[in-house]
Structure formats: C-alpha cells, structure tokens
Amino acid sequence: MSQILEATFDGEVFRPSEAVELQPNTRVQLIVTTKSPAEDKPKSFLRVARSLRLSGPADWSDRLDDYLYGGAKPSDE
C-alpha cells in the first residue's frame, strides 16, 4: 500500500495532519520532502469558524440581515 501524507515534525516525531489507517507498530518507510509555509493548504473556513467558539442569539441564522445591517432588534418587536 502506498499513501501520501502531510505531517509536522515536532523535534522528536512526525505528527500526521490527518488520520492514518495503519495498525499500531506497523513499520513504514518515510521519504521526507519539506514544504515552505507558503505551500501549506489554506485552512477551511468552517474549521476556523468553529475554532472561534462564537456565540450569539438563538435566532442568529434566521435574522442575519437584521443583525448585520441594523434592522429590527429583538427588543423592538
């Protein structure tokens, strides 16, 4: 089986960027090619948004335009 993985070397071990489907203690052969930071994949918008742990009103998605553009506020109803 052959698979291309991206990983980060932390000074001691390689940490894969995603899950690897191998049994523990499976021997592998690594060919290391370094990447410049500019070559890194852009982060997923949804992953970044989730990591911000934003909170807002319960009707946020229903009344997005009101909240973004200053429409009626819940106390105005």
Protein backbone atom coordinates (compact mmCIF):
# COMPACT_ATOMS: atom_id res chain seq x y z
CA MET A 1 0.00 0.00 0.00
CA SER A 2 1.25 3.49 -0.84
CA GLN A 3 -0.14 6.70 0.61
CA ILE A 4 0.95 10.35 0.59
CA LEU A 5 0.57 12.06 3.96
CA GLU A 6 1.32 15.51 5.27
CA ALA A 7 2.87 15.71 8.71
CA THR A 8 4.66 18.07 11.05
CA PHE A 9 7.94 17.14 12.73
CA ASP A 10 7.87 18.32 16.37
CA GLY A 11 11.55 17.74 17.03
CA GLU A 12 11.10 14.10 18.02
CA VAL A 13 8.30 12.51 15.99
CA PHE A 14 6.27 13.11 12.85
CA ARG A 15 2.64 14.09 13.56
CA PRO A 16 0.30 13.34 10.62
CA SER A 17 -2.14 16.11 9.69
CA GLU A 18 -4.96 13.58 9.32
CA ALA A 19 -5.82 10.09 10.50
CA VAL A 20 -3.65 7.24 9.20
CA GLU A 21 -5.23 3.86 8.57
CA LEU A 22 -2.43 1.66 9.92
CA GLN A 23 -2.25 -0.76 12.80
CA PRO A 24 -0.04 0.37 15.71
CA ASN A 25 3.63 -0.67 15.39
CA THR A 26 3.36 -1.09 11.60
CA ARG A 27 6.75 -0.46 10.02
CA VAL A 28 6.75 2.14 7.24
CA GLN A 29 9.29 3.84 5.01
CA LEU A 30 9.26 7.64 5.00
CA ILE A 31 10.51 9.90 2.23
CA VAL A 32 10.67 13.42 3.63
CA THR A 33 10.11 16.48 1.45
CA THR A 34 9.96 19.81 3.27
CA LYS A 35 7.34 22.39 2.38
CA SER A 36 7.63 26.13 2.74
CA PRO A 37 4.85 27.81 4.76
CA ALA A 38 3.52 29.38 1.55
CA GLU A 39 2.78 25.87 0.21
CA ASP A 40 0.57 24.94 3.17
CA LYS A 41 -3.06 24.39 2.34
CA PRO A 42 -5.39 27.21 3.35
CA LYS A 43 -7.45 26.46 6.42
CA SER A 44 -11.07 25.53 5.99
CA PHE A 45 -13.41 28.46 6.70
CA LEU A 46 -15.75 26.21 8.68
CA ARG A 47 -12.90 24.78 10.76
CA VAL A 48 -11.69 28.30 11.59
CA ALA A 49 -15.23 29.50 12.38
CA ARG A 50 -15.82 26.54 14.72
CA SER A 51 -12.50 27.14 16.46
CA LEU A 52 -13.59 30.70 17.33
CA ARG A 53 -16.42 29.32 19.51
CA LEU A 54 -18.68 32.24 18.62
CA SER A 55 -21.96 32.64 20.41
CA GLY A 56 -24.94 34.75 19.53
CA PRO A 57 -28.70 35.00 19.79
CA ALA A 58 -30.77 31.87 19.18
CA ASP A 59 -32.29 33.39 16.02
CA TRP A 60 -28.89 34.39 14.58
CA SER A 61 -29.30 32.50 11.29
CA ASP A 62 -32.97 33.47 10.81
CA ARG A 63 -32.30 37.19 11.27
CA LEU A 64 -28.76 37.51 9.96
CA ASP A 65 -29.54 40.59 7.81
CA ASP A 66 -31.12 42.35 10.79
CA TYR A 67 -28.02 41.76 12.90
CA LEU A 68 -25.55 42.62 10.14
CA TYR A 69 -27.29 45.65 8.68
CA GLY A 70 -29.07 47.11 11.72
CA GLY A 71 -32.64 46.02 11.14
CA ALA A 72 -35.15 45.39 13.91
CA LYS A 73 -33.71 44.22 17.21
CA PRO A 74 -35.45 41.64 19.45
CA SER A 75 -36.42 44.41 21.91
CA ASP A 76 -38.11 46.38 19.05
CA GLU A 77 -40.75 43.72 18.46
